[in-house]
């Protein structure tokens, strides 16, 4: 968000920028998951797979709770940012999974 409309605080452009970044981070998440799974034993793989399935199922819950009652364009910006944060936090979790 260092250039263009997003840098000027235009909500639509900010959301588009964060959505694009979330797509990139989701690719990173998939790479981290594959790399981590390749180094784990069978029991650890099962545990991580179950953890990942639960996270995917509930991935929006922290953002939904945080943003409950908000509406309008800023709520959309906040939701996009929250979703991006959740994805990045999951990457960190998976990269450090033992």
N, C-alpha and C. Protein backbone atom coordinates (compact mmCIF):
# COMPACT_ATOMS: atom_id res chain seq x y z
N UNK A 1 0.81 -1.19 0.00
CA UNK A 1 0.00 0.00 0.00
C UNK A 1 0.86 1.25 0.00
N UNK A 2 2.00 1.19 -0.61
CA UNK A 2 2.89 2.35 -0.59
C UNK A 2 2.71 3.27 -1.78
N UNK A 3 1.91 2.88 -2.77
CA UNK A 3 1.71 3.73 -3.93
C UNK A 3 0.25 3.76 -4.34
N UNK A 4 -0.09 4.69 -5.21
CA UNK A 4 -1.42 4.76 -5.79
C UNK A 4 -2.49 5.16 -4.79
N UNK A 5 -3.75 4.86 -5.16
CA UNK A 5 -4.89 5.23 -4.34
C UNK A 5 -4.84 4.62 -2.94
N UNK A 6 -4.35 3.38 -2.82
CA UNK A 6 -4.32 2.73 -1.51
C UNK A 6 -3.47 3.52 -0.53
N UNK A 7 -2.38 4.11 -1.01
CA UNK A 7 -1.52 4.91 -0.15
C UNK A 7 -2.21 6.18 0.31
N UNK A 8 -3.18 6.64 -0.45
CA UNK A 8 -3.92 7.86 -0.11
C UNK A 8 -5.13 7.57 0.78
N UNK A 9 -5.38 6.32 1.09
CA UNK A 9 -6.47 5.98 1.99
C UNK A 9 -7.81 5.78 1.32
N UNK A 10 -7.85 5.57 0.03
CA UNK A 10 -9.09 5.32 -0.67
C UNK A 10 -9.53 3.89 -0.34
N UNK A 11 -10.69 3.78 0.28
CA UNK A 11 -11.14 2.50 0.82
C UNK A 11 -11.16 1.36 -0.19
N UNK A 12 -11.77 1.58 -1.35
CA UNK A 12 -11.86 0.52 -2.34
C UNK A 12 -10.47 0.01 -2.72
N UNK A 13 -9.55 0.93 -2.97
CA UNK A 13 -8.20 0.55 -3.35
C UNK A 13 -7.48 -0.15 -2.20
N UNK A 14 -7.75 0.28 -0.98
CA UNK A 14 -7.14 -0.37 0.18
C UNK A 14 -7.62 -1.81 0.29
N UNK A 15 -8.91 -2.01 0.11
CA UNK A 15 -9.47 -3.36 0.17
C UNK A 15 -8.89 -4.23 -0.94
N UNK A 16 -8.82 -3.68 -2.15
CA UNK A 16 -8.26 -4.43 -3.27
C UNK A 16 -6.80 -4.80 -3.01
N UNK A 17 -6.05 -3.88 -2.46
CA UNK A 17 -4.65 -4.12 -2.15
C UNK A 17 -4.50 -5.23 -1.10
N UNK A 18 -5.29 -5.14 -0.04
CA UNK A 18 -5.22 -6.16 1.01
C UNK A 18 -5.70 -7.51 0.51
N UNK A 19 -6.71 -7.51 -0.35
CA UNK A 19 -7.20 -8.76 -0.92
C UNK A 19 -6.12 -9.40 -1.79
N UNK A 20 -5.44 -8.59 -2.58
CA UNK A 20 -4.33 -9.10 -3.39
C UNK A 20 -3.23 -9.67 -2.49
N UNK A 21 -2.88 -8.95 -1.46
CA UNK A 21 -1.84 -9.43 -0.54
C UNK A 21 -2.29 -10.70 0.16
N UNK A 22 -3.56 -10.79 0.51
CA UNK A 22 -4.07 -12.00 1.15
C UNK A 22 -3.95 -13.19 0.20
N UNK A 23 -4.19 -12.97 -1.07
CA UNK A 23 -4.03 -14.04 -2.06
C UNK A 23 -2.58 -14.50 -2.11
N UNK A 24 -1.65 -13.56 -2.06
CA UNK A 24 -0.23 -13.91 -2.06
C UNK A 24 0.15 -14.66 -0.78
N UNK A 25 -0.38 -14.20 0.35
CA UNK A 25 -0.09 -14.86 1.62
C UNK A 25 -0.73 -16.24 1.67
N UNK A 26 -1.88 -16.42 1.04
CA UNK A 26 -2.52 -17.73 1.00
C UNK A 26 -1.65 -18.71 0.22
N UNK A 27 -1.01 -18.24 -0.84
CA UNK A 27 -0.06 -19.09 -1.57
C UNK A 27 1.11 -19.46 -0.67
N UNK A 28 1.61 -18.49 0.10
CA UNK A 28 2.70 -18.75 1.04
C UNK A 28 2.26 -19.75 2.11
N UNK A 29 1.03 -19.62 2.56
CA UNK A 29 0.47 -20.55 3.54
C UNK A 29 0.48 -21.97 2.98
N UNK A 30 0.04 -22.14 1.74
CA UNK A 30 0.03 -23.47 1.13
C UNK A 30 1.44 -24.04 1.00
N UNK A 31 2.40 -23.19 0.64
CA UNK A 31 3.79 -23.64 0.54
C UNK A 31 4.32 -24.06 1.91
N UNK A 32 4.02 -23.26 2.93
CA UNK A 32 4.48 -23.57 4.29
C UNK A 32 3.86 -24.88 4.77
N UNK A 33 2.59 -25.08 4.47
CA UNK A 33 1.90 -26.31 4.87
C UNK A 33 2.56 -27.52 4.22
N UNK A 34 2.80 -27.45 2.92
CA UNK A 34 3.43 -28.57 2.21
C UNK A 34 4.83 -28.85 2.74
N UNK A 35 5.61 -27.79 2.97
CA UNK A 35 6.97 -27.97 3.47
C UNK A 35 6.97 -28.58 4.87
N UNK A 36 6.07 -28.12 5.71
CA UNK A 36 5.99 -28.64 7.07
C UNK A 36 5.52 -30.09 7.06
N UNK A 37 4.51 -30.39 6.26
CA UNK A 37 4.01 -31.77 6.18
C UNK A 37 5.10 -32.72 5.70
N UNK A 38 5.99 -32.27 4.84
CA UNK A 38 7.03 -33.14 4.29
C UNK A 38 8.06 -33.55 5.34
N UNK A 39 8.14 -32.80 6.44
CA UNK A 39 9.15 -33.13 7.45
C UNK A 39 8.57 -33.77 8.71
N UNK A 40 7.26 -33.96 8.74
CA UNK A 40 6.62 -34.50 9.94
C UNK A 40 6.43 -36.01 9.85
N UNK A 41 6.36 -36.63 11.03
CA UNK A 41 6.01 -38.04 11.11
C UNK A 41 4.51 -38.22 10.95
N UNK A 42 4.06 -39.47 10.85
CA UNK A 42 2.64 -39.74 10.60
C UNK A 42 1.68 -39.12 11.62
N UNK A 43 1.98 -39.25 12.89
CA UNK A 43 1.09 -38.71 13.93
C UNK A 43 1.03 -37.18 13.87
N UNK A 44 2.19 -36.57 13.65
CA UNK A 44 2.24 -35.11 13.55
C UNK A 44 1.49 -34.62 12.31
N UNK A 45 1.61 -35.37 11.21
CA UNK A 45 0.89 -35.00 9.99
C UNK A 45 -0.62 -35.02 10.23
N UNK A 46 -1.08 -36.06 10.90
CA UNK A 46 -2.51 -36.16 11.20
C UNK A 46 -2.96 -35.00 12.06
N UNK A 47 -2.18 -34.68 13.08
CA UNK A 47 -2.54 -33.58 13.98
C UNK A 47 -2.57 -32.24 13.23
N UNK A 48 -1.57 -32.00 12.40
CA UNK A 48 -1.54 -30.74 11.65
C UNK A 48 -2.68 -30.68 10.64
N UNK A 49 -2.95 -31.79 9.98
CA UNK A 49 -4.05 -31.82 9.01
C UNK A 49 -5.38 -31.49 9.69
N UNK A 50 -5.62 -32.08 10.86
CA UNK A 50 -6.85 -31.80 11.60
C UNK A 50 -6.89 -30.34 12.07
N UNK A 51 -5.75 -29.84 12.52
CA UNK A 51 -5.66 -28.44 12.94
C UNK A 51 -5.94 -27.50 11.78
N UNK A 52 -5.39 -27.81 10.62
CA UNK A 52 -5.60 -26.97 9.44
C UNK A 52 -7.06 -26.99 9.00
N UNK A 53 -7.67 -28.16 9.03
CA UNK A 53 -9.09 -28.25 8.66
C UNK A 53 -9.96 -27.42 9.61
N UNK A 54 -9.66 -27.49 10.89
CA UNK A 54 -10.42 -26.71 11.87
C UNK A 54 -10.19 -25.22 11.66
N UNK A 55 -8.95 -24.84 11.37
CA UNK A 55 -8.65 -23.43 11.13
C UNK A 55 -9.39 -22.92 9.90
N UNK A 56 -9.37 -23.70 8.82
CA UNK A 56 -10.07 -23.29 7.60
C UNK A 56 -11.56 -23.11 7.89
N UNK A 57 -12.14 -24.04 8.61
CA UNK A 57 -13.57 -23.99 8.93
C UNK A 57 -13.91 -22.75 9.75
N UNK A 58 -13.01 -22.35 10.64
CA UNK A 58 -13.28 -21.25 11.58
C UNK A 58 -12.42 -20.02 11.33
N UNK A 59 -11.79 -19.92 10.19
CA UNK A 59 -10.80 -18.87 9.96
C UNK A 59 -11.38 -17.46 10.07
N UNK A 60 -12.66 -17.29 9.78
CA UNK A 60 -13.27 -15.96 9.84
C UNK A 60 -13.80 -15.61 11.22
N UNK A 61 -13.88 -16.59 12.12
CA UNK A 61 -14.49 -16.36 13.43
C UNK A 61 -13.85 -15.22 14.22
N UNK A 62 -12.51 -15.15 14.34
CA UNK A 62 -11.93 -14.03 15.10
C UNK A 62 -12.28 -12.67 14.51
N UNK A 63 -12.31 -12.59 13.19
CA UNK A 63 -12.64 -11.32 12.53
C UNK A 63 -14.12 -11.00 12.70
N UNK A 64 -14.97 -12.01 12.58
CA UNK A 64 -16.41 -11.79 12.76
C UNK A 64 -16.69 -11.26 14.16
N UNK A 65 -16.03 -11.86 15.15
CA UNK A 65 -16.23 -11.43 16.54
C UNK A 65 -15.70 -10.01 16.74
N UNK A 66 -14.52 -9.76 16.22
CA UNK A 66 -13.88 -8.45 16.38
C UNK A 66 -14.69 -7.34 15.73
N UNK A 67 -15.31 -7.64 14.60
CA UNK A 67 -15.99 -6.62 13.80
C UNK A 67 -17.51 -6.65 13.96
N UNK A 68 -18.01 -7.42 14.91
CA UNK A 68 -19.45 -7.52 15.11
C UNK A 68 -20.05 -6.13 15.33
N UNK A 69 -21.10 -5.84 14.60
CA UNK A 69 -21.79 -4.57 14.76
C UNK A 69 -21.24 -3.45 13.90
N UNK A 70 -20.09 -3.64 13.29
CA UNK A 70 -19.54 -2.61 12.40
C UNK A 70 -20.17 -2.74 11.03
N UNK A 71 -20.30 -1.63 10.34
CA UNK A 71 -20.76 -1.66 8.97
C UNK A 71 -20.14 -0.51 8.19
N UNK A 72 -20.38 -0.48 6.91
CA UNK A 72 -19.81 0.57 6.09
C UNK A 72 -18.47 0.19 5.50
N UNK A 73 -17.89 1.14 4.80
CA UNK A 73 -16.64 0.88 4.10
C UNK A 73 -15.48 0.60 5.04
N UNK A 74 -15.42 1.28 6.16
CA UNK A 74 -14.30 1.03 7.09
C UNK A 74 -14.38 -0.37 7.67
N UNK A 75 -15.59 -0.88 7.85
CA UNK A 75 -15.74 -2.26 8.32
C UNK A 75 -15.17 -3.22 7.29
N UNK A 76 -15.37 -2.92 6.02
CA UNK A 76 -14.81 -3.76 4.96
C UNK A 76 -13.29 -3.70 4.95
N UNK A 77 -12.75 -2.52 5.17
CA UNK A 77 -11.29 -2.37 5.26
C UNK A 77 -10.77 -3.15 6.47
N UNK A 78 -11.43 -2.99 7.61
CA UNK A 78 -11.02 -3.71 8.82
C UNK A 78 -11.11 -5.22 8.62
N UNK A 79 -12.17 -5.68 7.96
CA UNK A 79 -12.35 -7.11 7.73
C UNK A 79 -11.23 -7.65 6.83
N UNK A 80 -10.90 -6.92 5.78
CA UNK A 80 -9.82 -7.36 4.89
C UNK A 80 -8.49 -7.41 5.63
N UNK A 81 -8.23 -6.42 6.47
CA UNK A 81 -7.00 -6.40 7.26
C UNK A 81 -6.95 -7.52 8.27
N UNK A 82 -8.08 -7.78 8.90
CA UNK A 82 -8.15 -8.85 9.90
C UNK A 82 -7.91 -10.21 9.23
N UNK A 83 -8.53 -10.43 8.10
CA UNK A 83 -8.37 -11.69 7.38
C UNK A 83 -6.91 -11.88 6.97
N UNK A 84 -6.28 -10.82 6.52
CA UNK A 84 -4.86 -10.88 6.16
C UNK A 84 -4.01 -11.22 7.38
N UNK A 85 -4.29 -10.59 8.50
CA UNK A 85 -3.55 -10.88 9.74
C UNK A 85 -3.71 -12.34 10.14
N UNK A 86 -4.92 -12.87 10.05
CA UNK A 86 -5.17 -14.27 10.41
C UNK A 86 -4.37 -15.21 9.52
N UNK A 87 -4.30 -14.89 8.24
CA UNK A 87 -3.54 -15.73 7.31
C UNK A 87 -2.05 -15.70 7.64
N UNK A 88 -1.53 -14.52 7.90
CA UNK A 88 -0.11 -14.40 8.25
C UNK A 88 0.20 -15.12 9.56
N UNK A 89 -0.67 -14.98 10.54
CA UNK A 89 -0.48 -15.68 11.81
C UNK A 89 -0.48 -17.19 11.62
N UNK A 90 -1.31 -17.67 10.71
CA UNK A 90 -1.36 -19.11 10.45
C UNK A 90 -0.07 -19.57 9.78
N UNK A 91 0.48 -18.77 8.88
CA UNK A 91 1.76 -19.12 8.26
C UNK A 91 2.82 -19.28 9.34
N UNK A 92 2.89 -18.35 10.25
CA UNK A 92 3.88 -18.40 11.33
C UNK A 92 3.68 -19.65 12.17
N UNK A 93 2.42 -19.96 12.50
CA UNK A 93 2.12 -21.17 13.27
C UNK A 93 2.62 -22.41 12.55
N UNK A 94 2.30 -22.53 11.27
CA UNK A 94 2.68 -23.73 10.51
C UNK A 94 4.19 -23.83 10.34
N UNK A 95 4.84 -22.72 10.07
CA UNK A 95 6.30 -22.75 9.89
C UNK A 95 7.01 -23.17 11.17
N UNK A 96 6.40 -22.93 12.32
CA UNK A 96 7.01 -23.29 13.60
C UNK A 96 6.44 -24.57 14.20
N UNK A 97 5.60 -25.27 13.46
CA UNK A 97 4.94 -26.48 13.96
C UNK A 97 5.95 -27.60 14.16
N UNK A 98 5.84 -28.26 15.29
CA UNK A 98 6.74 -29.38 15.60
C UNK A 98 5.95 -30.61 15.96
